[in-house]
Amino acid sequence: MSGHGAHLRGQHLAKRCAKLRREGLPLSEVARIAGVTKEQVSAKILLGERLLSLVESA
C-alpha cells in the first residue's frame, strides 16, 4: 500500500471507523465492519476524529 490513493483510502477508513464509533458501536464491532484488528481500530478512530473535526470546523 503506497501512493496517494492508498493514503486517501486510509483516511476514508479512519473517518468511517470514527463515525461508527460515534454511533455507539463497541470497538470489536467497528473492527469487524472495517476489516481491521482490534489493536488497529483505536488508532483509526483517533485519526478519524481528528480528520472529521477539520471538516466540521471548516
PDB file of N, CA and C in Angstrom:
ATOM      1  N   MET A   1       0.835  -1.172   0.000  1.00  0.00           N
ATOM      2  CA  MET A   1       0.000   0.000   0.000  1.00  0.00           C
ATOM      3  C   MET A   1       0.883   1.240   0.000  1.00  0.00           C
ATOM      4  N   SER A   2       1.049   1.830  -1.140  1.00  0.00           N
ATOM      5  CA  SER A   2       1.822   3.061  -1.191  1.00  0.00           C
ATOM      6  C   SER A   2       1.174   3.991  -2.192  1.00  0.00           C
ATOM      7  N   GLY A   3       1.494   5.244  -2.068  1.00  0.00           N
ATOM      8  CA  GLY A   3       0.970   6.214  -3.000  1.00  0.00           C
ATOM      9  C   GLY A   3      -0.168   7.036  -2.430  1.00  0.00           C
ATOM     10  N   HIS A   4      -0.550   8.012  -3.219  1.00  0.00           N
ATOM     11  CA  HIS A   4      -1.576   8.957  -2.797  1.00  0.00           C
ATOM     12  C   HIS A   4      -2.944   8.297  -2.635  1.00  0.00           C
ATOM     13  N   GLY A   5      -3.301   7.396  -3.518  1.00  0.00           N
ATOM     14  CA  GLY A   5      -4.591   6.709  -3.438  1.00  0.00           C
ATOM     15  C   GLY A   5      -4.714   5.891  -2.161  1.00  0.00           C
ATOM     16  N   ALA A   6      -3.649   5.221  -1.788  1.00  0.00           N
ATOM     17  CA  ALA A   6      -3.655   4.429  -0.559  1.00  0.00           C
ATOM     18  C   ALA A   6      -3.803   5.336   0.656  1.00  0.00           C
ATOM     19  N   HIS A   7      -3.171   6.484   0.606  1.00  0.00           N
ATOM     20  CA  HIS A   7      -3.278   7.455   1.699  1.00  0.00           C
ATOM     21  C   HIS A   7      -4.727   7.905   1.861  1.00  0.00           C
ATOM     22  N   LEU A   8      -5.378   8.214   0.764  1.00  0.00           N
ATOM     23  CA  LEU A   8      -6.774   8.656   0.812  1.00  0.00           C
ATOM     24  C   LEU A   8      -7.703   7.542   1.291  1.00  0.00           C
ATOM     25  N   ARG A   9      -7.447   6.305   0.855  1.00  0.00           N
ATOM     26  CA  ARG A   9      -8.256   5.172   1.328  1.00  0.00           C
ATOM     27  C   ARG A   9      -8.101   4.983   2.824  1.00  0.00           C
ATOM     28  N   GLY A  10      -6.878   5.153   3.318  1.00  0.00           N
ATOM     29  CA  GLY A  10      -6.631   5.035   4.753  1.00  0.00           C
ATOM     30  C   GLY A  10      -7.358   6.103   5.550  1.00  0.00           C
ATOM     31  N   GLN A  11      -7.383   7.321   5.018  1.00  0.00           N
ATOM     32  CA  GLN A  11      -8.096   8.402   5.690  1.00  0.00           C
ATOM     33  C   GLN A  11      -9.598   8.152   5.671  1.00  0.00           C
ATOM     34  N   HIS A  12     -10.100   7.646   4.559  1.00  0.00           N
ATOM     35  CA  HIS A  12     -11.531   7.350   4.471  1.00  0.00           C
ATOM     36  C   HIS A  12     -11.910   6.260   5.472  1.00  0.00           C
ATOM     37  N   LEU A  13     -11.079   5.244   5.591  1.00  0.00           N
ATOM     38  CA  LEU A  13     -11.331   4.167   6.553  1.00  0.00           C
ATOM     39  C   LEU A  13     -11.328   4.714   7.981  1.00  0.00           C
ATOM     40  N   ALA A  14     -10.406   5.617   8.275  1.00  0.00           N
ATOM     41  CA  ALA A  14     -10.329   6.202   9.611  1.00  0.00           C
ATOM     42  C   ALA A  14     -11.599   7.009   9.918  1.00  0.00           C
ATOM     43  N   LYS A  15     -12.073   7.779   8.960  1.00  0.00           N
ATOM     44  CA  LYS A  15     -13.303   8.553   9.156  1.00  0.00           C
ATOM     45  C   LYS A  15     -14.491   7.617   9.357  1.00  0.00           C
ATOM     46  N   ARG A  16     -14.523   6.542   8.608  1.00  0.00           N
ATOM     47  CA  ARG A  16     -15.622   5.579   8.734  1.00  0.00           C
ATOM     48  C   ARG A  16     -15.622   4.935  10.123  1.00  0.00           C
ATOM     49  N   CYS A  17     -14.440   4.580  10.603  1.00  0.00           N
ATOM     50  CA  CYS A  17     -14.335   3.993  11.943  1.00  0.00           C
ATOM     51  C   CYS A  17     -14.815   4.982  12.997  1.00  0.00           C
ATOM     52  N   ALA A  18     -14.431   6.239  12.863  1.00  0.00           N
ATOM     53  CA  ALA A  18     -14.836   7.254  13.838  1.00  0.00           C
ATOM     54  C   ALA A  18     -16.347   7.451  13.817  1.00  0.00           C
ATOM     55  N   LYS A  19     -16.942   7.454  12.630  1.00  0.00           N
ATOM     56  CA  LYS A  19     -18.395   7.625  12.525  1.00  0.00           C
ATOM     57  C   LYS A  19     -19.132   6.440  13.148  1.00  0.00           C
ATOM     58  N   LEU A  20     -18.621   5.228  12.920  1.00  0.00           N
ATOM     59  CA  LEU A  20     -19.242   4.044  13.521  1.00  0.00           C
ATOM     60  C   LEU A  20     -19.154   4.099  15.036  1.00  0.00           C
ATOM     61  N   ARG A  21     -18.024   4.548  15.547  1.00  0.00           N
ATOM     62  CA  ARG A  21     -17.848   4.652  16.999  1.00  0.00           C
ATOM     63  C   ARG A  21     -18.787   5.712  17.573  1.00  0.00           C
ATOM     64  N   ARG A  22     -18.969   6.821  16.840  1.00  0.00           N
ATOM     65  CA  ARG A  22     -19.897   7.867  17.275  1.00  0.00           C
ATOM     66  C   ARG A  22     -21.325   7.347  17.362  1.00  0.00           C
ATOM     67  N   GLU A  23     -21.646   6.362  16.548  1.00  0.00           N
ATOM     68  CA  GLU A  23     -22.984   5.755  16.594  1.00  0.00           C
ATOM     69  C   GLU A  23     -23.156   4.845  17.801  1.00  0.00           C
ATOM     70  N   GLY A  24     -22.082   4.626  18.531  1.00  0.00           N
ATOM     71  CA  GLY A  24     -22.173   3.848  19.762  1.00  0.00           C
ATOM     72  C   GLY A  24     -21.773   2.392  19.638  1.00  0.00           C
ATOM     73  N   LEU A  25     -21.198   2.004  18.516  1.00  0.00           N
ATOM     74  CA  LEU A  25     -20.774   0.610  18.362  1.00  0.00           C
ATOM     75  C   LEU A  25     -19.528   0.340  19.194  1.00  0.00           C
ATOM     76  N   PRO A  26     -19.414  -0.855  19.756  1.00  0.00           N
ATOM     77  CA  PRO A  26     -18.205  -1.196  20.503  1.00  0.00           C
ATOM     78  C   PRO A  26     -17.007  -1.371  19.567  1.00  0.00           C
ATOM     79  N   LEU A  27     -15.809  -1.289  20.120  1.00  0.00           N
ATOM     80  CA  LEU A  27     -14.594  -1.380  19.307  1.00  0.00           C
ATOM     81  C   LEU A  27     -14.536  -2.663  18.494  1.00  0.00           C
ATOM     82  N   SER A  28     -14.955  -3.773  19.089  1.00  0.00           N
ATOM     83  CA  SER A  28     -14.879  -5.045  18.370  1.00  0.00           C
ATOM     84  C   SER A  28     -15.787  -5.039  17.144  1.00  0.00           C
ATOM     85  N   GLU A  29     -16.947  -4.411  17.259  1.00  0.00           N
ATOM     86  CA  GLU A  29     -17.874  -4.344  16.122  1.00  0.00           C
ATOM     87  C   GLU A  29     -17.331  -3.413  15.038  1.00  0.00           C
ATOM     88  N   VAL A  30     -16.754  -2.287  15.445  1.00  0.00           N
ATOM     89  CA  VAL A  30     -16.147  -1.365  14.482  1.00  0.00           C
ATOM     90  C   VAL A  30     -15.025  -2.076  13.741  1.00  0.00           C
ATOM     91  N   ALA A  31     -14.207  -2.824  14.467  1.00  0.00           N
ATOM     92  CA  ALA A  31     -13.098  -3.555  13.853  1.00  0.00           C
ATOM     93  C   ALA A  31     -13.610  -4.584  12.846  1.00  0.00           C
ATOM     94  N   ARG A  32     -14.675  -5.280  13.206  1.00  0.00           N
ATOM     95  CA  ARG A  32     -15.231  -6.295  12.308  1.00  0.00           C
ATOM     96  C   ARG A  32     -15.771  -5.655  11.035  1.00  0.00           C
ATOM     97  N   ILE A  33     -16.523  -4.576  11.160  1.00  0.00           N
ATOM     98  CA  ILE A  33     -17.107  -3.907   9.996  1.00  0.00           C
ATOM     99  C   ILE A  33     -16.019  -3.319   9.097  1.00  0.00           C
ATOM    100  N   ALA A  34     -15.019  -2.706   9.716  1.00  0.00           N
ATOM    101  CA  ALA A  34     -13.956  -2.045   8.948  1.00  0.00           C
ATOM    102  C   ALA A  34     -12.934  -3.030   8.388  1.00  0.00           C
ATOM    103  N   GLY A  35     -12.888  -4.226   8.954  1.00  0.00           N
ATOM    104  CA  GLY A  35     -11.935  -5.217   8.465  1.00  0.00           C
ATOM    105  C   GLY A  35     -10.525  -5.010   8.980  1.00  0.00           C
ATOM    106  N   VAL A  36     -10.403  -4.456  10.179  1.00  0.00           N
ATOM    107  CA  VAL A  36      -9.089  -4.277  10.800  1.00  0.00           C
ATOM    108  C   VAL A  36      -9.090  -4.979  12.152  1.00  0.00           C
ATOM    109  N   THR A  37      -7.906  -5.099  12.742  1.00  0.00           N
ATOM    110  CA  THR A  37      -7.815  -5.751  14.042  1.00  0.00           C
ATOM    111  C   THR A  37      -8.242  -4.789  15.149  1.00  0.00           C
ATOM    112  N   LYS A  38      -8.528  -5.348  16.310  1.00  0.00           N
ATOM    113  CA  LYS A  38      -8.915  -4.521  17.454  1.00  0.00           C
ATOM    114  C   LYS A  38      -7.796  -3.558  17.841  1.00  0.00           C
ATOM    115  N   GLU A  39      -6.553  -3.990  17.671  1.00  0.00           N
ATOM    116  CA  GLU A  39      -5.412  -3.136  18.003  1.00  0.00           C
ATOM    117  C   GLU A  39      -5.332  -1.929  17.066  1.00  0.00           C
ATOM    118  N   GLN A  40      -5.690  -2.104  15.807  1.00  0.00           N
ATOM    119  CA  GLN A  40      -5.613  -1.032  14.821  1.00  0.00           C
ATOM    120  C   GLN A  40      -6.787  -0.067  14.918  1.00  0.00           C
ATOM    121  N   VAL A  41      -7.931  -0.552  15.368  1.00  0.00           N
ATOM    122  CA  VAL A  41      -9.140   0.257  15.299  1.00  0.00           C
ATOM    123  C   VAL A  41      -9.064   1.489  16.199  1.00  0.00           C
ATOM    124  N   SER A  42      -8.414   1.411  17.336  1.00  0.00           N
ATOM    125  CA  SER A  42      -8.300   2.571  18.220  1.00  0.00           C
ATOM    126  C   SER A  42      -7.539   3.711  17.543  1.00  0.00           C
ATOM    127  N   ALA A  43      -6.452   3.369  16.885  1.00  0.00           N
ATOM    128  CA  ALA A  43      -5.667   4.383  16.177  1.00  0.00           C
ATOM    129  C   ALA A  43      -6.455   4.965  15.012  1.00  0.00           C
ATOM    130  N   LYS A  44      -7.199   4.115  14.313  1.00  0.00           N
ATOM    131  CA  LYS A  44      -8.018   4.590  13.188  1.00  0.00           C
ATOM    132  C   LYS A  44      -9.087   5.567  13.680  1.00  0.00           C
ATOM    133  N   ILE A  45      -9.708   5.244  14.809  1.00  0.00           N
ATOM    134  CA  ILE A  45     -10.753   6.109  15.351  1.00  0.00           C
ATOM    135  C   ILE A  45     -10.157   7.459  15.757  1.00  0.00           C
ATOM    136  N   LEU A  46      -8.997   7.420  16.392  1.00  0.00           N
ATOM    137  CA  LEU A  46      -8.334   8.656  16.793  1.00  0.00           C
ATOM    138  C   LEU A  46      -8.044   9.545  15.581  1.00  0.00           C
ATOM    139  N   LEU A  47      -7.473   8.958  14.546  1.00  0.00           N
ATOM    140  CA  LEU A  47      -7.182   9.703  13.324  1.00  0.00           C
ATOM    141  C   LEU A  47      -8.467  10.203  12.681  1.00  0.00           C
ATOM    142  N   GLY A  48      -9.469   9.349  12.631  1.00  0.00           N
ATOM    143  CA  GLY A  48     -10.747   9.727  12.032  1.00  0.00           C
ATOM    144  C   GLY A  48     -11.404  10.886  12.749  1.00  0.00           C
ATOM    145  N   GLU A  49     -11.332  10.897  14.081  1.00  0.00           N
ATOM    146  CA  GLU A  49     -11.901  12.007  14.848  1.00  0.00           C
ATOM    147  C   GLU A  49     -11.189  13.315  14.509  1.00  0.00           C
ATOM    148  N   ARG A  50      -9.883  13.256  14.380  1.00  0.00           N
ATOM    149  CA  ARG A  50      -9.124  14.460  14.024  1.00  0.00           C
ATOM    150  C   ARG A  50      -9.486  14.945  12.629  1.00  0.00           C
ATOM    151  N   LEU A  51      -9.609  14.020  11.687  1.00  0.00           N
ATOM    152  CA  LEU A  51      -9.969  14.404  10.319  1.00  0.00           C
ATOM    153  C   LEU A  51     -11.379  14.979  10.253  1.00  0.00           C
ATOM    154  N   LEU A  52     -12.310  14.358  10.973  1.00  0.00           N
ATOM    155  CA  LEU A  52     -13.677  14.841  10.973  1.00  0.00           C
ATOM    156  C   LEU A  52     -13.784  16.222  11.634  1.00  0.00           C
ATOM    157  N   SER A  53     -12.973  16.473  12.659  1.00  0.00           N
ATOM    158  CA  SER A  53     -13.022  17.773  13.310  1.00  0.00           C
ATOM    159  C   SER A  53     -12.511  18.864  12.369  1.00  0.00           C
ATOM    160  N   LEU A  54     -11.576  18.524  11.492  1.00  0.00           N
ATOM    161  CA  LEU A  54     -11.112  19.502  10.498  1.00  0.00           C
ATOM    162  C   LEU A  54     -12.217  19.844   9.518  1.00  0.00           C
ATOM    163  N   VAL A  55     -12.977  18.841   9.105  1.00  0.00           N
ATOM    164  CA  VAL A  55     -14.077  19.062   8.154  1.00  0.00           C
ATOM    165  C   VAL A  55     -15.193  19.864   8.809  1.00  0.00           C
ATOM    166  N   GLU A  56     -15.503  19.550  10.066  1.00  0.00           N
ATOM    167  CA  GLU A  56     -16.599  20.220  10.762  1.00  0.00           C
ATOM    168  C   GLU A  56     -16.276  21.675  11.068  1.00  0.00           C
ATOM    169  N   SER A  57     -15.005  21.993  11.313  1.00  0.00           N
ATOM    170  CA  SER A  57     -14.646  23.374  11.655  1.00  0.00           C
ATOM    171  C   SER A  57     -14.419  24.226  10.415  1.00  0.00           C
ATOM    172  N   ALA A  58     -14.306  23.617   9.268  1.00  0.00           N
ATOM    173  CA  ALA A  58     -14.071  24.394   8.028  1.00  0.00           C
ATOM    174  C   ALA A  58     -15.339  24.983   7.458  1.00  0.00           C
TER     175      ALA A  58
END
